Structure formats: C-alpha cells, structure tokens
C-alpha cells in the first residue's frame, strides 16, 4: 500500500489513473475513496475535488448497475478526510462517521426490493438455525441500521488506511501515535450514553441507532488496548488474542472505553511507568 501511495502522490494524473482503475474492479472499488481521502488529507479539498470528479465516473456506473454503496462511501470518506484534516480530531471524525452509516441506512430503506431480499435471506437463516430470539418485526426494524453500522465501521477503517498511508510517506510513526491516543472525552461519552438511553427508552431516536452510538466507543476501546500494549512494550500476541476474542467482547470494549473517558488508563500507565 505504501508503494501505491507513493505513486498516487507523485501527481494528479497518477491519482486519477488509480481511482479510475480501482473504481472499475468489484470489491477493490472501495479503495478508490481511500485514494481520494489520501489526497484530501495531504493536499486539501480543492485538489481532492479534481480527483473526486474522475473517481465518480466508474462508481456512478456501478450505481447505475444497481450498487450505489461505493458511491456513497466515496463522498462519505472524502468528507471524513477533509473533516479530519481541518479538525485534527479522531474523536470528532468518529462522530461524523455516523452520517455515513445513516446515509447507507436511508438508502436501504428507500429500496424496499433490496430490503425484502435481505430480509428473506436472514429469515431463512434464522429459521434453519431455529433462532427465535427476536421477533420478525424487531428484526426487520434493526437490519438496515445494522448494515449502516457495518459500513460506518468500514468507512472508519478506510479513512484510517488513508491516514496511515499519509503518515507512512510524510510522518513515519505518526498514525500509530494518533491511534494510540484516540480517546472519547467525558462530555462526548455522556452525550453518547444519553443518546443510547433515549434510543432505548424513548421513541425520539430509533432504538437500532444504538449501533451507531456504540461505534466511536468501540474504536476508542480498541485504541486503548493498542495504546496499553504499546506503552508496556508487551508481546503482539496480546493483540492477536484480543482480536480473536473481539467479536464476543463488544459490550466489554464499550464499557472499557467509557471508563477510560473518566479514568484515562494510558495517562496513568505513563505516569506509573
């Protein structure tokens, strides 16, 4: 990826060629937004806009063919890259990434045929596994937000990839420092908790939007684990074990991130070292 970043940053023509080629290839077309994001992070929105115009062309063709999500991701990640460049805040960027998830959800809800296909596939799976933990109505209300949260998660990973590529070229080790220091502050944590409470017990916010509110805390919790392992110079096997268990630890990770908002484990670890 570093070699690709070096080629892209040699000039506008090179960046345009890359986004055109990547945009035409299924699955890899999600790397096209990363390239535009890299340009936005390094050179600003005006230069990124020149590349964005060309990146839109193949992704618009996919949209016409029925897959609009890469195009939504392109605009979403470009916006996040610009926002991160302006604010230099991963905390605010994580909050802004909720808009990507909500956009995907609204698109899905506007496509009843697509949703019906998704519902049918998941309901067949639930029936085959004899899983009746939730009602069909609750399941149908939740699944668009779940997919939105998945793409929100992916958008954050892709903007992090763009930031890593920028750091690899111009600030070696810079992304690791940023990521290890990623932390949700107390006021934001309280706001997220309040929003979760409202979504769960009041019909002002859809209950399924709790997925979006958890995501910044999950990234904060993951950054906490990376930061502590780095500060303690512990074996990387701790991270391997952590990621192996992560699918079953999401609530614990959220809880750790919330506690860290008040306790600041990394700062205390540094002071005690």
Protein backbone atom coordinates (compact mmCIF):
# COMPACT_ATOMS: atom_id res chain seq x y z
CA UNK A 1 0.00 0.00 0.00
CA UNK A 2 2.93 2.33 0.61
CA UNK A 3 4.06 1.88 -2.99
CA UNK A 4 0.57 2.72 -4.20
CA UNK A 5 0.53 5.82 -2.00
CA UNK A 6 3.90 6.94 -3.38
CA UNK A 7 2.66 6.55 -6.96
CA UNK A 8 -0.59 8.42 -6.26
CA UNK A 9 1.16 11.34 -4.60
CA UNK A 10 3.58 11.91 -7.47
CA UNK A 11 0.89 13.86 -9.29
CA UNK A 12 -2.76 14.41 -10.12
CA UNK A 13 -2.64 12.30 -13.29
CA UNK A 14 -1.34 9.31 -11.38
CA UNK A 15 -4.09 9.65 -8.76
CA UNK A 16 -6.74 9.89 -11.47
CA UNK A 17 -5.45 6.77 -13.24
CA UNK A 18 -5.52 4.80 -9.98
CA UNK A 19 -9.07 5.82 -8.99
CA UNK A 20 -10.34 5.03 -12.48
CA UNK A 21 -8.78 1.55 -12.45
CA UNK A 22 -9.75 0.71 -8.87
CA UNK A 23 -13.25 2.03 -9.41
CA UNK A 24 -13.89 -0.49 -12.17
CA UNK A 25 -12.94 -3.56 -10.12
CA UNK A 26 -15.56 -5.11 -7.81
CA UNK A 27 -14.60 -5.01 -4.11
CA UNK A 28 -11.43 -3.06 -4.89
CA UNK A 29 -13.64 -0.14 -5.86
CA UNK A 30 -13.86 0.64 -2.13
CA UNK A 31 -10.15 1.55 -2.28
CA UNK A 32 -10.94 4.38 -4.69
CA UNK A 33 -12.35 6.51 -1.81
CA UNK A 34 -9.14 5.81 0.12
CA UNK A 35 -7.07 7.38 -2.65
CA UNK A 36 -9.30 10.47 -2.77
CA UNK A 37 -9.14 10.61 1.02
CA UNK A 38 -5.34 10.47 0.94
CA UNK A 39 -5.23 13.38 -1.49
CA UNK A 40 -7.68 15.34 0.68
CA UNK A 41 -5.63 14.70 3.81
CA UNK A 42 -2.37 15.77 2.20
CA UNK A 43 -3.36 18.45 -0.31
CA UNK A 44 -6.78 19.67 0.79
CA UNK A 45 -10.28 19.53 -0.57
CA UNK A 46 -9.66 21.57 -3.72
CA UNK A 47 -7.05 19.16 -5.09
CA UNK A 48 -9.07 16.17 -3.88
CA UNK A 49 -12.06 17.54 -5.78
CA UNK A 50 -10.13 17.28 -9.05
CA UNK A 51 -9.52 13.59 -8.38
CA UNK A 52 -13.03 13.06 -6.98
CA UNK A 53 -14.63 14.08 -10.28
CA UNK A 54 -12.85 11.21 -12.04
CA UNK A 55 -13.39 8.77 -9.17
CA UNK A 56 -17.14 9.34 -9.50
CA UNK A 57 -17.26 8.05 -13.09
CA UNK A 58 -16.71 4.30 -12.55
CA UNK A 59 -18.59 4.31 -9.26
CA UNK A 60 -21.53 6.07 -10.91
CA UNK A 61 -21.53 3.26 -13.48
CA UNK A 62 -21.78 0.75 -10.64
CA UNK A 63 -24.62 2.83 -9.19
CA UNK A 64 -26.50 2.65 -12.48
CA UNK A 65 -25.94 -1.12 -12.42
CA UNK A 66 -27.58 -1.24 -9.00
CA UNK A 67 -24.73 -0.86 -6.46
CA UNK A 68 -24.87 2.67 -5.07
CA UNK A 69 -22.96 1.97 -1.86
CA UNK A 70 -19.40 2.53 -3.25
CA UNK A 71 -20.52 5.96 -4.50
CA UNK A 72 -21.97 6.84 -1.09
CA UNK A 73 -18.73 5.67 0.53
CA UNK A 74 -16.70 7.83 -1.87
CA UNK A 75 -18.44 11.04 -0.80
CA UNK A 76 -18.54 9.95 2.83
CA UNK A 77 -14.83 9.13 3.09
CA UNK A 78 -13.82 12.26 1.17
CA UNK A 79 -15.87 14.29 3.64
CA UNK A 80 -14.32 12.50 6.61
CA UNK A 81 -10.82 13.07 5.24
CA UNK A 82 -11.48 16.79 4.84
CA UNK A 83 -13.02 16.92 8.33
CA UNK A 84 -10.04 15.12 9.90
CA UNK A 85 -7.62 17.46 8.12
CA UNK A 86 -9.49 20.52 9.42
CA UNK A 87 -10.10 19.35 12.99
CA UNK A 88 -7.12 17.03 13.58
CA UNK A 89 -9.51 15.15 15.89
CA UNK A 90 -10.22 11.45 15.60
CA UNK A 91 -12.92 11.81 18.24
CA UNK A 92 -14.90 14.28 16.12
CA UNK A 93 -14.21 12.28 12.96
CA UNK A 94 -15.65 9.15 14.57
CA UNK A 95 -18.78 11.09 15.47
CA UNK A 96 -19.02 12.47 11.92
CA UNK A 97 -18.73 8.94 10.52
CA UNK A 98 -22.23 8.26 11.88
CA UNK A 99 -23.51 10.24 8.90
CA UNK A 100 -22.05 7.61 6.57
CA UNK A 101 -23.92 4.84 8.38
CA UNK A 102 -27.18 6.78 8.44
CA UNK A 103 -26.82 7.54 4.71
CA UNK A 104 -26.43 3.83 3.93
CA UNK A 105 -29.45 3.04 6.11
CA UNK A 106 -31.62 5.66 4.41
CA UNK A 107 -30.59 4.33 1.00
CA UNK A 108 -31.54 0.80 2.02
CA UNK A 109 -34.88 1.92 3.45
CA UNK A 110 -35.57 3.69 0.15
CA UNK A 111 -35.06 0.39 -1.70
CA UNK A 112 -37.84 -1.93 -0.48
CA UNK A 113 -36.97 -4.58 -3.09
CA UNK A 114 -33.40 -4.76 -1.79
CA UNK A 115 -34.58 -4.93 1.80
CA UNK A 116 -37.03 -7.70 1.01
CA UNK A 117 -34.21 -9.80 -0.45
CA UNK A 118 -32.07 -9.19 2.65
CA UNK A 119 -34.97 -9.98 4.97
CA UNK A 120 -35.75 -13.21 3.14
CA UNK A 121 -32.14 -14.41 3.32
CA UNK A 122 -31.73 -13.63 7.01
CA UNK A 123 -35.13 -15.01 7.97
CA UNK A 124 -34.35 -18.25 6.13
CA UNK A 125 -31.11 -18.48 8.10
CA UNK A 126 -32.87 -17.84 11.41
CA UNK A 127 -35.47 -20.48 10.61
CA UNK A 128 -32.82 -23.03 9.60
CA UNK A 129 -30.94 -22.43 12.84
CA UNK A 130 -34.16 -22.39 14.86
CA UNK A 131 -33.25 -18.97 16.25
CA UNK A 132 -36.31 -17.16 17.57
CA UNK A 133 -34.58 -14.76 19.95
CA UNK A 134 -36.18 -11.71 18.35
CA UNK A 135 -39.48 -11.14 16.64
CA UNK A 136 -39.60 -10.77 12.87
CA UNK A 137 -40.86 -7.18 13.28
CA UNK A 138 -37.95 -6.27 15.56
CA UNK A 139 -35.52 -7.95 13.22
CA UNK A 140 -36.84 -6.05 10.20
CA UNK A 141 -36.60 -2.75 12.09
CA UNK A 142 -33.00 -3.43 13.10
CA UNK A 143 -31.33 -4.85 10.00
CA UNK A 144 -30.99 -1.56 7.98
CA UNK A 145 -29.26 0.10 10.94
CA UNK A 146 -27.04 -2.94 11.36
CA UNK A 147 -25.88 -2.66 7.75
CA UNK A 148 -25.42 1.08 8.21
CA UNK A 149 -23.22 0.44 11.25
CA UNK A 150 -21.17 -2.12 9.30
CA UNK A 151 -20.47 0.42 6.57
CA UNK A 152 -19.79 3.10 9.17
CA UNK A 153 -17.19 0.75 10.66
CA UNK A 154 -15.74 0.13 7.20
CA UNK A 155 -15.64 3.88 6.44
CA UNK A 156 -13.60 4.49 9.60
CA UNK A 157 -11.20 1.67 8.68
CA UNK A 158 -10.76 3.13 5.20
CA UNK A 159 -10.11 6.66 6.44
CA UNK A 160 -7.62 5.19 8.89
CA UNK A 161 -5.94 3.42 5.96
CA UNK A 162 -5.71 6.75 4.13
CA UNK A 163 -4.23 8.38 7.25
CA UNK A 164 -1.75 5.52 7.64
CA UNK A 165 -0.66 5.94 4.01
CA UNK A 166 -0.18 9.67 4.58
CA UNK A 167 1.87 9.03 7.71
CA UNK A 168 3.96 6.32 6.02
CA UNK A 169 5.04 8.84 3.37
CA UNK A 170 5.36 12.06 5.34
CA UNK A 171 5.28 11.31 9.07
CA UNK A 172 6.51 7.79 9.88
CA UNK A 173 5.00 6.54 13.12
CA UNK A 174 2.52 9.40 13.19
CA UNK A 175 -0.57 7.28 12.67
CA UNK A 176 0.41 4.89 15.47
CA UNK A 177 0.80 7.85 17.84
CA UNK A 178 -2.59 9.23 16.81
CA UNK A 179 -4.35 5.89 17.11
CA UNK A 180 -2.80 5.01 20.44
CA UNK A 181 -4.01 8.35 21.77
CA UNK A 182 -7.57 8.06 20.43
CA UNK A 183 -9.93 8.57 23.34
CA UNK A 184 -13.53 9.69 23.84
CA UNK A 185 -13.69 12.61 26.25
CA UNK A 186 -16.11 12.72 29.17
CA UNK A 187 -18.60 15.17 27.66
CA UNK A 188 -18.86 13.19 24.45
CA UNK A 189 -19.16 9.90 26.36
CA UNK A 190 -22.02 11.37 28.41
CA UNK A 191 -23.73 12.57 25.22
CA UNK A 192 -23.40 9.12 23.64
CA UNK A 193 -24.75 7.44 26.77
CA UNK A 194 -27.68 9.88 26.86
CA UNK A 195 -28.43 9.21 23.19
CA UNK A 196 -28.34 5.45 23.81
CA UNK A 197 -30.74 5.86 26.73
CA UNK A 198 -33.12 7.97 24.66
CA UNK A 199 -32.98 5.49 21.76
CA UNK A 200 -33.68 2.56 24.09
CA UNK A 201 -36.45 4.01 26.23
CA UNK A 202 -37.91 6.94 24.26
CA UNK A 203 -39.24 6.88 20.70
CA UNK A 204 -37.43 10.09 19.78
CA UNK A 205 -34.48 8.23 18.22
CA UNK A 206 -34.76 4.78 16.56
CA UNK A 207 -33.62 2.11 19.01
CA UNK A 208 -31.48 0.49 16.32
CA UNK A 209 -29.33 3.65 16.13
CA UNK A 210 -27.60 2.42 19.28
CA UNK A 211 -25.30 0.62 16.81
CA UNK A 212 -24.01 3.99 15.56
CA UNK A 213 -23.52 5.37 19.06
CA UNK A 214 -21.51 2.34 20.13
CA UNK A 215 -19.08 2.53 17.23
CA UNK A 216 -16.94 5.51 18.42
CA UNK A 217 -16.63 3.79 21.80
CA UNK A 218 -15.58 0.52 20.17
CA UNK A 219 -12.80 2.26 18.26
CA UNK A 220 -11.78 4.07 21.44
CA UNK A 221 -11.66 0.77 23.30
CA UNK A 222 -9.56 -0.86 20.58
CA UNK A 223 -7.19 2.14 20.62
CA UNK A 224 -6.96 1.80 24.41
CA UNK A 225 -5.81 -1.82 24.13
CA UNK A 226 -3.27 -0.92 21.42
CA UNK A 227 -2.03 2.03 23.47
CA UNK A 228 -1.54 0.00 26.64
CA UNK A 229 0.21 -2.82 24.78
CA UNK A 230 2.49 -0.24 23.17
CA UNK A 231 3.28 1.57 26.40
CA UNK A 232 4.01 -1.66 28.24
CA UNK A 233 6.01 -2.97 25.25
CA UNK A 234 4.04 -6.17 25.63
CA UNK A 235 4.05 -9.03 23.13
CA UNK A 236 1.96 -8.56 19.99
CA UNK A 237 0.31 -11.87 20.85
CA UNK A 238 -1.86 -9.92 23.29
CA UNK A 239 -3.32 -8.07 20.29
CA UNK A 240 -3.77 -11.33 18.38
CA UNK A 241 -5.70 -12.77 21.32
CA UNK A 242 -7.70 -9.56 21.68
CA UNK A 243 -8.82 -9.54 18.04
CA UNK A 244 -9.62 -13.24 18.25
CA UNK A 245 -12.00 -12.59 21.14
CA UNK A 246 -13.27 -9.22 19.92
CA UNK A 247 -16.49 -10.50 18.27
CA UNK A 248 -17.67 -11.69 21.69
CA UNK A 249 -16.36 -8.69 23.64
CA UNK A 250 -18.08 -5.69 22.03
CA UNK A 251 -20.01 -4.72 25.17
CA UNK A 252 -16.89 -5.08 27.32
CA UNK A 253 -14.91 -2.92 24.88
CA UNK A 254 -17.59 -0.24 25.05
CA UNK A 255 -17.54 -0.40 28.85
CA UNK A 256 -13.74 -0.07 28.93
CA UNK A 257 -13.90 2.94 26.62
CA UNK A 258 -16.49 4.60 28.85
CA UNK A 259 -14.41 4.00 31.97
CA UNK A 260 -11.34 5.31 30.13
CA UNK A 261 -13.20 8.55 29.40
CA UNK A 262 -13.02 9.29 33.13
CA UNK A 263 -10.02 7.27 34.28
CA UNK A 264 -7.61 7.76 31.31
CA UNK A 265 -5.72 4.46 31.61
CA UNK A 266 -2.98 5.46 29.16
CA UNK A 267 -2.07 8.63 31.03
CA UNK A 268 -1.96 6.78 34.35
CA UNK A 269 0.07 4.00 32.78
CA UNK A 270 2.60 6.57 31.58
CA UNK A 271 2.75 8.20 34.99
CA UNK A 272 3.28 4.90 36.77
CA UNK A 273 5.90 3.65 34.30
